[in-house]
Amino acid sequence: MDKKTKAKKTIPDTICRVHRSGGYAVLSNCFVRSTNIGCDSIGLLGKINDLPPTWNFTIAGLVAICEDGETAIKSQLAELEQWGYVKKTLLMPNESPTGRISYLYDFYEYSELDDSIPKYDIEMETFTADNATLNRVKKDSNFTIISAKLLRTNKIRNKLIGFMLKVLSLPNSWNFSMSGLKAICKEGKTAVHNAVNKLIDMGYLVRTKLLSNESVMI
């Protein structure tokens, strides 16, 4: 008697296609792929590194370019400071160009304190503004080209921008699954699911259901 032919169950393929638009920013993967800082802090640091050195780096200024409110921005800056991506120096009136007590910010694309990313032998480029210094990684490798439109919008929360930066920094061969996305984020499973669904609603992500591959086992 011939053996019955059984349909073999297969795992659906996962395909990710990235559609980029004109106008780019080049960001180091050092902070983008960190799992010690949340996606919201990654999104904020990405925005900051896209700003020109002549920009006024203040809390009010950051709030103006973000969907997030002042409390959220301060929390994100505190997390970045905890992991060495921000250094904040208090300036007394005689030290400040405004003649008032203020802060001087140093922002870094790479931090030795962050043990969730590999240690790199990198060269930094420094850009100085009135109340901030941008310490950017000199880009010769390990970077991601991001649409400036994504970084410059104030209609999307920093958490979603940071999540998008992570996804866009991944190699084409990476397994784009929900479990895989959870593995590269500080946030939990529910937060990752919510981020994916929100980006779908906003049109930044399109999810298409794929039918299982058909194969037979004789």
N, C-alpha and C. Protein backbone atom coordinates (compact mmCIF):
# COMPACT_ATOMS: atom_id res chain seq x y z
N MET A 1 0.85 -1.19 0.00
CA MET A 1 0.00 0.00 0.00
C MET A 1 0.89 1.25 0.00
N ASP A 2 0.54 2.17 -0.88
CA ASP A 2 1.33 3.40 -0.95
C ASP A 2 1.15 4.22 0.31
N LYS A 3 2.23 4.88 0.70
CA LYS A 3 2.15 5.76 1.86
C LYS A 3 1.31 6.99 1.51
N LYS A 4 0.57 7.45 2.49
CA LYS A 4 -0.23 8.65 2.28
C LYS A 4 0.67 9.88 2.17
N THR A 5 0.25 10.75 1.32
CA THR A 5 0.98 12.01 1.17
C THR A 5 0.47 13.01 2.19
N LYS A 6 1.37 13.52 2.98
CA LYS A 6 0.98 14.49 4.01
C LYS A 6 1.53 15.86 3.67
N ALA A 7 0.71 16.84 3.92
CA ALA A 7 1.17 18.21 3.73
C ALA A 7 2.11 18.58 4.86
N LYS A 8 3.25 19.11 4.50
CA LYS A 8 4.24 19.48 5.50
C LYS A 8 4.02 20.92 5.95
N LYS A 9 3.91 21.10 7.25
CA LYS A 9 3.72 22.45 7.78
C LYS A 9 5.02 23.23 7.66
N THR A 10 4.93 24.42 7.21
CA THR A 10 6.11 25.26 7.06
C THR A 10 5.89 26.59 7.77
N ILE A 11 6.98 27.21 8.11
CA ILE A 11 6.92 28.51 8.75
C ILE A 11 6.86 29.58 7.68
N PRO A 12 5.89 30.49 7.76
CA PRO A 12 5.79 31.54 6.75
C PRO A 12 7.07 32.36 6.66
N ASP A 13 7.44 32.72 5.45
CA ASP A 13 8.61 33.57 5.26
C ASP A 13 8.32 34.97 5.77
N THR A 14 9.35 35.66 6.22
CA THR A 14 9.23 37.05 6.63
C THR A 14 10.09 37.89 5.73
N ILE A 15 9.47 38.85 5.07
CA ILE A 15 10.18 39.70 4.12
C ILE A 15 10.06 41.14 4.59
N CYS A 16 11.18 41.84 4.61
CA CYS A 16 11.17 43.26 4.99
C CYS A 16 11.74 44.07 3.84
N ARG A 17 10.97 45.04 3.37
CA ARG A 17 11.43 45.92 2.31
C ARG A 17 11.44 47.35 2.83
N VAL A 18 12.56 48.03 2.66
CA VAL A 18 12.70 49.39 3.16
C VAL A 18 12.55 50.37 2.00
N HIS A 19 11.68 51.34 2.18
CA HIS A 19 11.45 52.37 1.17
C HIS A 19 11.97 53.69 1.72
N ARG A 20 13.01 54.24 1.11
CA ARG A 20 13.63 55.47 1.61
C ARG A 20 13.24 56.66 0.73
N SER A 21 13.22 57.83 1.34
CA SER A 21 12.94 59.05 0.59
C SER A 21 14.17 59.95 0.65
N GLY A 22 14.15 61.02 -0.13
CA GLY A 22 15.31 61.89 -0.22
C GLY A 22 15.59 62.66 1.05
N GLY A 23 16.85 63.11 1.19
CA GLY A 23 17.27 63.86 2.37
C GLY A 23 17.68 62.91 3.47
N TYR A 24 18.96 62.79 3.74
CA TYR A 24 19.44 61.75 4.65
C TYR A 24 20.22 62.31 5.83
N ALA A 25 20.23 61.54 6.90
CA ALA A 25 21.12 61.75 8.03
C ALA A 25 21.90 60.46 8.22
N VAL A 26 23.16 60.56 8.60
CA VAL A 26 23.99 59.38 8.81
C VAL A 26 24.23 59.22 10.30
N LEU A 27 23.73 58.13 10.87
CA LEU A 27 23.81 57.89 12.31
C LEU A 27 24.66 56.66 12.61
N SER A 28 25.42 56.74 13.68
CA SER A 28 26.21 55.59 14.12
C SER A 28 25.31 54.51 14.69
N ASN A 29 25.60 53.26 14.37
CA ASN A 29 24.82 52.15 14.93
C ASN A 29 25.14 51.91 16.41
N CYS A 30 26.17 52.57 16.93
CA CYS A 30 26.58 52.34 18.32
C CYS A 30 25.42 52.57 19.28
N PHE A 31 24.76 53.72 19.18
CA PHE A 31 23.65 53.98 20.10
C PHE A 31 22.34 53.42 19.59
N VAL A 32 22.18 53.33 18.28
CA VAL A 32 20.92 52.84 17.70
C VAL A 32 20.64 51.40 18.13
N ARG A 33 21.69 50.59 18.25
CA ARG A 33 21.49 49.18 18.57
C ARG A 33 21.66 48.86 20.06
N SER A 34 21.73 49.89 20.88
CA SER A 34 21.83 49.67 22.33
C SER A 34 20.53 49.07 22.86
N THR A 35 20.66 48.14 23.82
CA THR A 35 19.49 47.60 24.50
C THR A 35 19.42 48.08 25.95
N ASN A 36 20.34 48.97 26.33
CA ASN A 36 20.30 49.57 27.67
C ASN A 36 19.44 50.83 27.70
N ILE A 37 19.34 51.50 26.58
CA ILE A 37 18.51 52.70 26.52
C ILE A 37 17.26 52.40 25.69
N GLY A 38 16.15 53.01 26.09
CA GLY A 38 14.88 52.75 25.44
C GLY A 38 14.80 53.37 24.05
N CYS A 39 13.82 52.92 23.28
CA CYS A 39 13.64 53.44 21.92
C CYS A 39 13.35 54.94 21.94
N ASP A 40 12.68 55.44 23.00
CA ASP A 40 12.40 56.86 23.06
C ASP A 40 13.68 57.68 23.20
N SER A 41 14.61 57.20 24.02
CA SER A 41 15.90 57.89 24.17
C SER A 41 16.73 57.79 22.90
N ILE A 42 16.67 56.64 22.22
CA ILE A 42 17.37 56.48 20.95
C ILE A 42 16.81 57.45 19.91
N GLY A 43 15.49 57.58 19.88
CA GLY A 43 14.85 58.51 18.96
C GLY A 43 15.27 59.95 19.22
N LEU A 44 15.33 60.34 20.50
CA LEU A 44 15.74 61.70 20.84
C LEU A 44 17.18 61.96 20.44
N LEU A 45 18.10 61.01 20.73
CA LEU A 45 19.50 61.19 20.38
C LEU A 45 19.69 61.24 18.87
N GLY A 46 18.88 60.46 18.15
CA GLY A 46 18.93 60.52 16.69
C GLY A 46 18.53 61.89 16.18
N LYS A 47 17.47 62.46 16.75
CA LYS A 47 17.03 63.81 16.38
C LYS A 47 18.13 64.83 16.66
N ILE A 48 18.73 64.73 17.84
CA ILE A 48 19.76 65.69 18.25
C ILE A 48 20.96 65.65 17.31
N ASN A 49 21.37 64.45 16.90
CA ASN A 49 22.54 64.32 16.03
C ASN A 49 22.26 64.79 14.61
N ASP A 50 21.00 64.98 14.27
CA ASP A 50 20.64 65.50 12.95
C ASP A 50 20.60 67.03 12.95
N LEU A 51 20.61 67.64 14.14
CA LEU A 51 20.51 69.10 14.24
C LEU A 51 21.85 69.76 13.92
N PRO A 52 21.82 70.97 13.36
CA PRO A 52 23.07 71.69 13.07
C PRO A 52 23.68 72.23 14.37
N PRO A 53 25.00 72.40 14.40
CA PRO A 53 25.65 72.91 15.61
C PRO A 53 25.17 74.30 16.02
N THR A 54 24.58 75.03 15.07
CA THR A 54 24.10 76.38 15.38
C THR A 54 22.75 76.38 16.08
N TRP A 55 22.15 75.21 16.24
CA TRP A 55 20.82 75.13 16.85
C TRP A 55 20.91 75.37 18.35
N ASN A 56 19.86 75.92 18.94
CA ASN A 56 19.85 76.21 20.38
C ASN A 56 19.40 74.97 21.16
N PHE A 57 20.37 74.30 21.80
CA PHE A 57 20.10 73.05 22.49
C PHE A 57 19.59 73.32 23.91
N THR A 58 18.29 73.49 24.04
CA THR A 58 17.65 73.69 25.33
C THR A 58 16.50 72.71 25.47
N ILE A 59 16.00 72.54 26.70
CA ILE A 59 14.84 71.67 26.91
C ILE A 59 13.66 72.17 26.09
N ALA A 60 13.44 73.48 26.13
CA ALA A 60 12.33 74.06 25.38
C ALA A 60 12.51 73.83 23.88
N GLY A 61 13.75 73.93 23.42
CA GLY A 61 14.02 73.70 22.01
C GLY A 61 13.76 72.26 21.60
N LEU A 62 14.15 71.31 22.45
CA LEU A 62 13.91 69.89 22.16
C LEU A 62 12.41 69.57 22.17
N VAL A 63 11.70 70.16 23.11
CA VAL A 63 10.25 69.95 23.18
C VAL A 63 9.58 70.45 21.89
N ALA A 64 10.12 71.54 21.34
CA ALA A 64 9.53 72.14 20.14
C ALA A 64 9.64 71.25 18.92
N ILE A 65 10.64 70.35 18.89
CA ILE A 65 10.82 69.51 17.70
C ILE A 65 10.36 68.07 17.94
N CYS A 66 9.76 67.82 19.10
CA CYS A 66 9.33 66.46 19.44
C CYS A 66 7.84 66.42 19.73
N GLU A 67 7.24 65.27 19.51
CA GLU A 67 5.86 65.03 19.90
C GLU A 67 5.77 64.85 21.41
N ASP A 68 6.85 64.40 22.03
CA ASP A 68 6.90 64.16 23.46
C ASP A 68 6.88 65.48 24.23
N GLY A 69 6.33 65.45 25.45
CA GLY A 69 6.29 66.64 26.29
C GLY A 69 7.57 66.85 27.08
N GLU A 70 7.59 67.91 27.88
CA GLU A 70 8.79 68.28 28.63
C GLU A 70 9.21 67.19 29.62
N THR A 71 8.24 66.60 30.33
CA THR A 71 8.57 65.56 31.30
C THR A 71 9.23 64.37 30.63
N ALA A 72 8.71 63.96 29.48
CA ALA A 72 9.27 62.82 28.74
C ALA A 72 10.68 63.14 28.24
N ILE A 73 10.89 64.35 27.73
CA ILE A 73 12.20 64.74 27.22
C ILE A 73 13.23 64.71 28.35
N LYS A 74 12.87 65.23 29.51
CA LYS A 74 13.79 65.23 30.65
C LYS A 74 14.13 63.81 31.08
N SER A 75 13.14 62.91 31.04
CA SER A 75 13.37 61.51 31.40
C SER A 75 14.31 60.84 30.40
N GLN A 76 14.13 61.14 29.12
CA GLN A 76 15.00 60.57 28.09
C GLN A 76 16.43 61.09 28.23
N LEU A 77 16.58 62.37 28.51
CA LEU A 77 17.91 62.93 28.72
C LEU A 77 18.60 62.31 29.93
N ALA A 78 17.81 62.05 30.98
CA ALA A 78 18.36 61.43 32.19
C ALA A 78 18.86 60.02 31.90
N GLU A 79 18.12 59.26 31.08
CA GLU A 79 18.55 57.91 30.72
C GLU A 79 19.81 57.97 29.86
N LEU A 80 19.85 58.90 28.93
CA LEU A 80 21.05 59.06 28.10
C LEU A 80 22.25 59.46 28.95
N GLU A 81 22.01 60.29 29.95
CA GLU A 81 23.10 60.70 30.85
C GLU A 81 23.58 59.52 31.69
N GLN A 82 22.65 58.67 32.13
CA GLN A 82 23.01 57.50 32.93
C GLN A 82 23.97 56.59 32.18
N TRP A 83 23.78 56.45 30.87
CA TRP A 83 24.60 55.52 30.09
C TRP A 83 25.71 56.22 29.31
N GLY A 84 25.97 57.48 29.63
CA GLY A 84 27.13 58.16 29.07
C GLY A 84 26.94 58.79 27.70
N TYR A 85 25.72 58.88 27.22
CA TYR A 85 25.47 59.50 25.93
C TYR A 85 25.26 61.00 26.05
N VAL A 86 25.06 61.47 27.27
CA VAL A 86 24.92 62.90 27.54
C VAL A 86 25.72 63.23 28.79
N LYS A 87 26.44 64.34 28.74
CA LYS A 87 27.07 64.89 29.93
C LYS A 87 26.53 66.30 30.11
N LYS A 88 26.04 66.59 31.31
CA LYS A 88 25.42 67.88 31.58
C LYS A 88 26.26 68.64 32.60
N THR A 89 26.67 69.86 32.26
CA THR A 89 27.51 70.68 33.12
C THR A 89 26.74 71.94 33.52
N LEU A 90 26.67 72.19 34.81
CA LEU A 90 26.00 73.39 35.31
C LEU A 90 26.92 74.60 35.16
N LEU A 91 26.40 75.63 34.51
CA LEU A 91 27.15 76.87 34.34
C LEU A 91 26.57 77.96 35.25
N MET A 92 27.43 78.58 36.02
CA MET A 92 27.02 79.70 36.86
C MET A 92 26.88 80.96 36.00
N PRO A 93 26.20 81.98 36.53
CA PRO A 93 25.98 83.20 35.73
C PRO A 93 27.24 83.79 35.11
N ASN A 94 28.37 83.74 35.83
CA ASN A 94 29.60 84.31 35.29
C ASN A 94 30.24 83.42 34.22
N GLU A 95 29.75 82.18 34.09
CA GLU A 95 30.29 81.24 33.10
C GLU A 95 29.37 81.12 31.88
N SER A 96 28.13 81.52 32.04
CA SER A 96 27.13 81.34 30.99
C SER A 96 27.07 82.55 30.06
N PRO A 97 26.94 82.34 28.75
CA PRO A 97 26.83 83.47 27.81
C PRO A 97 25.56 84.28 28.01
N THR A 98 24.56 83.68 28.67
CA THR A 98 23.30 84.40 28.92
C THR A 98 23.34 85.21 30.21
N GLY A 99 24.39 84.99 31.03
CA GLY A 99 24.48 85.69 32.30
C GLY A 99 23.55 85.11 33.36
N ARG A 100 23.02 83.93 33.10
CA ARG A 100 22.13 83.24 34.05
C ARG A 100 22.63 81.82 34.27
N ILE A 101 22.13 81.19 35.31
CA ILE A 101 22.45 79.78 35.52
C ILE A 101 21.87 78.96 34.37
N SER A 102 22.69 78.13 33.76
CA SER A 102 22.24 77.32 32.63
C SER A 102 23.06 76.04 32.58
N TYR A 103 22.75 75.18 31.60
CA TYR A 103 23.46 73.91 31.45
C TYR A 103 24.17 73.86 30.10
N LEU A 104 25.32 73.23 30.12
CA LEU A 104 26.05 72.93 28.89
C LEU A 104 25.93 71.42 28.65
N TYR A 105 25.47 71.03 27.48
CA TYR A 105 25.25 69.62 27.16
C TYR A 105 26.33 69.11 26.21
N ASP A 106 26.84 67.92 26.50
CA ASP A 106 27.72 67.19 25.59
C ASP A 106 26.99 65.92 25.18
N PHE A 107 26.73 65.76 23.89
CA PHE A 107 26.03 64.59 23.37
C PHE A 107 27.02 63.68 22.65
N TYR A 108 26.88 62.38 22.84
CA TYR A 108 27.80 61.40 22.26
C TYR A 108 27.03 60.33 21.48
N GLU A 109 27.55 59.97 20.31
CA GLU A 109 26.97 58.85 19.55
C GLU A 109 27.49 57.51 20.06
N TYR A 110 28.55 57.54 20.84
CA TYR A 110 29.15 56.31 21.36
C TYR A 110 29.50 56.51 22.82
N SER A 111 29.28 55.48 23.65
CA SER A 111 29.59 55.57 25.07
C SER A 111 30.27 54.29 25.55
N GLU A 112 31.37 54.46 26.25
CA GLU A 112 32.09 53.32 26.84
C GLU A 112 31.28 52.70 27.97
N LEU A 113 30.35 53.45 28.55
CA LEU A 113 29.56 52.94 29.67
C LEU A 113 28.51 51.92 29.24
N ASP A 114 28.13 51.96 27.98
CA ASP A 114 27.06 51.09 27.49
C ASP A 114 27.63 49.70 27.17
N ASP A 115 27.36 48.75 28.05
CA ASP A 115 27.90 47.39 27.87
C ASP A 115 27.03 46.51 26.99
N SER A 116 25.97 47.07 26.40
CA SER A 116 25.11 46.26 25.53
C SER A 116 25.57 46.32 24.07
N ILE A 117 26.58 47.14 23.78
CA ILE A 117 27.10 47.23 22.42
C ILE A 117 28.58 46.86 22.42
N PRO A 118 29.09 46.36 21.30
CA PRO A 118 30.52 46.01 21.24
C PRO A 118 31.39 47.25 21.43
N LYS A 119 32.57 47.06 21.94
CA LYS A 119 33.51 48.15 22.10
C LYS A 119 34.24 48.39 20.78
N TYR A 120 34.16 49.60 20.31
CA TYR A 120 34.73 49.93 19.02
C TYR A 120 35.95 50.85 19.16
N ASP A 121 36.87 50.71 18.24
CA ASP A 121 37.98 51.64 18.13
C ASP A 121 37.53 52.71 17.14
N ILE A 122 37.04 53.83 17.67
CA ILE A 122 36.41 54.82 16.82
C ILE A 122 37.11 56.16 16.93
N GLU A 123 36.84 56.99 15.96
CA GLU A 123 37.35 58.37 15.96
C GLU A 123 36.15 59.30 16.04
N MET A 124 36.22 60.29 16.93
CA MET A 124 35.11 61.20 17.13
C MET A 124 35.35 62.52 16.41
N GLU A 125 34.26 63.12 15.97
CA GLU A 125 34.28 64.47 15.41
C GLU A 125 33.45 65.36 16.32
N THR A 126 33.98 66.51 16.68
CA THR A 126 33.32 67.39 17.64
C THR A 126 32.80 68.65 16.95
N PHE A 127 31.53 68.97 17.22
CA PHE A 127 30.90 70.17 16.70
C PHE A 127 30.36 70.96 17.89
N THR A 128 30.79 72.20 18.03
CA THR A 128 30.47 72.98 19.21
C THR A 128 29.44 74.06 18.91
N ALA A 129 28.42 74.16 19.79
CA ALA A 129 27.42 75.21 19.74
C ALA A 129 27.53 76.05 21.00
N ASP A 130 26.67 77.04 21.14
CA ASP A 130 26.73 77.92 22.31
C ASP A 130 26.50 77.17 23.61
N ASN A 131 25.56 76.26 23.62
CA ASN A 131 25.24 75.56 24.86
C ASN A 131 25.28 74.05 24.72
N ALA A 132 26.00 73.56 23.71
CA ALA A 132 26.09 72.11 23.51
C ALA A 132 27.30 71.76 22.66
N THR A 133 27.75 70.52 22.80
CA THR A 133 28.79 69.97 21.94
C THR A 133 28.31 68.62 21.42
N LEU A 134 28.33 68.45 20.11
CA LEU A 134 27.96 67.18 19.49
C LEU A 134 29.22 66.39 19.21
N ASN A 135 29.36 65.24 19.85
CA ASN A 135 30.51 64.36 19.64
C ASN A 135 30.05 63.19 18.77
N ARG A 136 30.20 63.36 17.47
CA ARG A 136 29.71 62.37 16.52
C ARG A 136 30.82 61.41 16.13
N VAL A 137 30.43 60.18 15.86
CA VAL A 137 31.39 59.17 15.39
C VAL A 137 31.75 59.46 13.94
N LYS A 138 33.04 59.46 13.64
CA LYS A 138 33.47 59.63 12.26
C LYS A 138 33.04 58.41 11.48
N LYS A 139 32.22 58.59 10.47
CA LYS A 139 31.55 57.48 9.80
C LYS A 139 32.42 56.88 8.70
N ASP A 140 33.07 55.76 9.00
CA ASP A 140 33.74 54.99 7.96
C ASP A 140 33.19 53.57 7.89
N SER A 141 32.42 53.19 8.92
CA SER A 141 31.76 51.88 8.94
C SER A 141 30.73 51.89 10.07
N ASN A 142 29.90 50.86 10.11
CA ASN A 142 28.92 50.68 11.19
C ASN A 142 28.02 51.89 11.37
N PHE A 143 27.41 52.31 10.28
CA PHE A 143 26.47 53.42 10.35
C PHE A 143 25.23 53.10 9.53
N THR A 144 24.19 53.90 9.74
CA THR A 144 22.94 53.72 9.02
C THR A 144 22.51 55.05 8.42
N ILE A 145 22.08 55.02 7.18
CA ILE A 145 21.57 56.22 6.51
C ILE A 145 20.06 56.27 6.73
N ILE A 146 19.61 57.35 7.35
CA ILE A 146 18.21 57.50 7.74
C ILE A 146 17.60 58.69 7.02
N SER A 147 16.35 58.58 6.64
CA SER A 147 15.64 59.72 6.04
C SER A 147 15.54 60.85 7.06
N ALA A 148 15.96 62.04 6.67
CA ALA A 148 15.89 63.20 7.56
C ALA A 148 14.43 63.56 7.85
N LYS A 149 13.52 63.21 6.97
CA LYS A 149 12.10 63.50 7.19
C LYS A 149 11.60 62.80 8.45
N LEU A 150 12.08 61.58 8.67
CA LEU A 150 11.67 60.83 9.86
C LEU A 150 12.20 61.50 11.12
N LEU A 151 13.44 61.96 11.09
CA LEU A 151 14.05 62.56 12.26
C LEU A 151 13.51 63.95 12.56
N ARG A 152 13.07 64.66 11.54
CA ARG A 152 12.69 66.06 11.72
C ARG A 152 11.20 66.28 11.94
N THR A 153 10.42 65.22 11.88
CA THR A 153 9.00 65.40 12.14
C THR A 153 8.74 65.53 13.63
N ASN A 154 7.77 66.36 13.99
CA ASN A 154 7.35 66.47 15.39
C ASN A 154 5.96 65.90 15.58
N LYS A 155 5.59 65.00 14.68
CA LYS A 155 4.27 64.36 14.72
C LYS A 155 4.35 62.91 15.20
N ILE A 156 5.56 62.41 15.47
CA ILE A 156 5.74 61.03 15.89
C ILE A 156 6.52 61.01 17.19
N ARG A 157 6.08 60.24 18.15
CA ARG A 157 6.78 60.15 19.43
C ARG A 157 8.18 59.56 19.24
N ASN A 158 9.08 59.98 20.11
CA ASN A 158 10.46 59.54 20.01
C ASN A 158 10.60 58.03 20.10
N LYS A 159 9.71 57.37 20.86
CA LYS A 159 9.79 55.91 20.99
C LYS A 159 9.60 55.24 19.63
N LEU A 160 8.67 55.75 18.82
CA LEU A 160 8.44 55.16 17.51
C LEU A 160 9.59 55.48 16.55
N ILE A 161 10.14 56.69 16.66
CA ILE A 161 11.29 57.04 15.83
C ILE A 161 12.48 56.15 16.18
N GLY A 162 12.74 55.96 17.48
CA GLY A 162 13.83 55.09 17.90
C GLY A 162 13.64 53.66 17.44
N PHE A 163 12.41 53.17 17.49
CA PHE A 163 12.12 51.81 17.02
C PHE A 163 12.39 51.70 15.53
N MET A 164 11.98 52.72 14.76
CA MET A 164 12.24 52.72 13.33
C MET A 164 13.74 52.75 13.03
N LEU A 165 14.50 53.52 13.82
CA LEU A 165 15.95 53.57 13.63
C LEU A 165 16.57 52.20 13.81
N LYS A 166 16.11 51.48 14.83
CA LYS A 166 16.62 50.12 15.06
C LYS A 166 16.34 49.22 13.87
N VAL A 167 15.11 49.23 13.40
CA VAL A 167 14.72 48.36 12.28
C VAL A 167 15.51 48.71 11.02
N LEU A 168 15.64 50.01 10.74
CA LEU A 168 16.33 50.45 9.53
C LEU A 168 17.83 50.18 9.59
N SER A 169 18.37 50.00 10.79
CA SER A 169 19.82 49.74 10.93
C SER A 169 20.17 48.27 10.75
N LEU A 170 19.17 47.40 10.72
CA LEU A 170 19.42 45.96 10.66
C LEU A 170 19.81 45.52 9.25
N PRO A 171 20.64 44.49 9.13
CA PRO A 171 21.03 44.00 7.81
C PRO A 171 19.86 43.32 7.10
N ASN A 172 19.93 43.26 5.78
CA ASN A 172 18.85 42.67 4.99
C ASN A 172 18.62 41.20 5.33
N SER A 173 19.65 40.53 5.82
CA SER A 173 19.54 39.10 6.11
C SER A 173 18.94 38.82 7.49
N TRP A 174 18.64 39.86 8.25
CA TRP A 174 18.14 39.67 9.61
C TRP A 174 16.72 39.10 9.59
N ASN A 175 16.39 38.31 10.61
CA ASN A 175 15.06 37.70 10.70
C ASN A 175 14.09 38.69 11.33
N PHE A 176 13.27 39.31 10.49
CA PHE A 176 12.33 40.32 10.97
C PHE A 176 11.08 39.66 11.52
N SER A 177 11.16 39.25 12.78
CA SER A 177 10.02 38.63 13.46
C SER A 177 9.76 39.40 14.75
N MET A 178 8.60 39.20 15.35
CA MET A 178 8.28 39.91 16.58
C MET A 178 9.24 39.52 17.70
N SER A 179 9.59 38.25 17.78
CA SER A 179 10.54 37.81 18.80
C SER A 179 11.93 38.40 18.55
N GLY A 180 12.29 38.52 17.27
CA GLY A 180 13.56 39.13 16.93
C GLY A 180 13.61 40.60 17.29
N LEU A 181 12.52 41.31 17.03
CA LEU A 181 12.44 42.72 17.37
C LEU A 181 12.51 42.92 18.88
N LYS A 182 11.84 42.05 19.62
CA LYS A 182 11.87 42.14 21.09
C LYS A 182 13.29 41.96 21.60
N ALA A 183 14.07 41.10 20.95
CA ALA A 183 15.42 40.80 21.41
C ALA A 183 16.36 42.00 21.30
N ILE A 184 16.06 42.95 20.42
CA ILE A 184 16.97 44.08 20.21
C ILE A 184 16.46 45.36 20.87
N CYS A 185 15.36 45.26 21.61
CA CYS A 185 14.78 46.43 22.26
C CYS A 185 14.80 46.29 23.78
N LYS A 186 14.93 47.39 24.47
CA LYS A 186 14.84 47.39 25.91
C LYS A 186 13.40 47.13 26.35
N GLU A 187 12.46 47.59 25.54
CA GLU A 187 11.04 47.46 25.87
C GLU A 187 10.57 46.01 25.80
N GLY A 188 9.46 45.72 26.44
CA GLY A 188 8.91 44.37 26.48
C GLY A 188 8.09 44.03 25.24
N LYS A 189 7.56 42.81 25.23
CA LYS A 189 6.81 42.29 24.08
C LYS A 189 5.61 43.15 23.73
N THR A 190 4.85 43.56 24.74
CA THR A 190 3.64 44.36 24.49
C THR A 190 3.99 45.69 23.86
N ALA A 191 5.06 46.34 24.36
CA ALA A 191 5.46 47.63 23.82
C ALA A 191 5.91 47.50 22.37
N VAL A 192 6.60 46.42 22.03
CA VAL A 192 7.05 46.20 20.66
C VAL A 192 5.85 45.99 19.74
N HIS A 193 4.89 45.18 20.19
CA HIS A 193 3.66 44.96 19.41
C HIS A 193 2.93 46.28 19.19
N ASN A 194 2.82 47.09 20.24
CA ASN A 194 2.13 48.37 20.14
C ASN A 194 2.84 49.30 19.16
N ALA A 195 4.18 49.29 19.18
CA ALA A 195 4.95 50.13 18.27
C ALA A 195 4.71 49.72 16.81
N VAL A 196 4.73 48.42 16.57
CA VAL A 196 4.48 47.92 15.21
C VAL A 196 3.08 48.32 14.74
N ASN A 197 2.08 48.11 15.58
CA ASN A 197 0.71 48.43 15.20
C ASN A 197 0.51 49.93 14.98
N LYS A 198 1.16 50.74 15.81
CA LYS A 198 1.04 52.19 15.65
C LYS A 198 1.68 52.65 14.36
N LEU A 199 2.84 52.11 14.02
CA LEU A 199 3.52 52.48 12.78
C LEU A 199 2.72 52.03 11.56
N ILE A 200 2.02 50.91 11.68
CA ILE A 200 1.12 50.48 10.60
C ILE A 200 -0.01 51.49 10.43
N ASP A 201 -0.59 51.91 11.54
CA ASP A 201 -1.68 52.89 11.49
C ASP A 201 -1.23 54.21 10.87
N MET A 202 0.03 54.58 11.11
CA MET A 202 0.54 55.86 10.62
C MET A 202 1.11 55.76 9.21
N GLY A 203 1.17 54.55 8.66
CA GLY A 203 1.63 54.38 7.29
C GLY A 203 3.14 54.23 7.13
N TYR A 204 3.87 54.11 8.24
CA TYR A 204 5.31 53.93 8.16
C TYR A 204 5.70 52.47 8.01
N LEU A 205 4.77 51.59 8.19
CA LEU A 205 5.03 50.16 8.08
C LEU A 205 3.81 49.51 7.45
N VAL A 206 4.04 48.62 6.52
CA VAL A 206 2.96 47.86 5.88
C VAL A 206 3.18 46.39 6.15
N ARG A 207 2.17 45.74 6.70
CA ARG A 207 2.27 44.32 7.01
C ARG A 207 1.36 43.55 6.06
N THR A 208 1.95 42.61 5.34
CA THR A 208 1.21 41.79 4.38
C THR A 208 1.28 40.34 4.80
N LYS A 209 0.16 39.68 4.87
CA LYS A 209 0.11 38.27 5.26
C LYS A 209 0.60 37.40 4.10
N LEU A 210 1.57 36.55 4.39
CA LEU A 210 2.12 35.63 3.39
C LEU A 210 1.58 34.23 3.62
N LEU A 211 1.18 33.55 2.53
CA LEU A 211 0.73 32.17 2.64
C LEU A 211 1.93 31.26 2.87
N SER A 212 1.73 30.19 3.60
CA SER A 212 2.81 29.22 3.85
C SER A 212 3.27 28.60 2.53
N ASN A 213 4.56 28.30 2.48
CA ASN A 213 5.08 27.60 1.30
C ASN A 213 4.41 26.22 1.21
N GLU A 214 4.05 25.81 0.01
CA GLU A 214 3.42 24.51 -0.16
C GLU A 214 4.48 23.49 -0.52
N SER A 215 4.54 22.41 0.25
CA SER A 215 5.46 21.32 -0.06
C SER A 215 4.82 20.03 0.39
N VAL A 216 5.28 18.93 -0.12
CA VAL A 216 4.71 17.63 0.24
C VAL A 216 5.79 16.68 0.68
N MET A 217 5.41 15.78 1.51
CA MET A 217 6.35 14.76 1.95
C MET A 217 5.80 13.43 1.49
N ILE A 218 6.56 12.71 0.70
CA ILE A 218 6.12 11.41 0.15
C ILE A 218 6.57 10.30 1.08
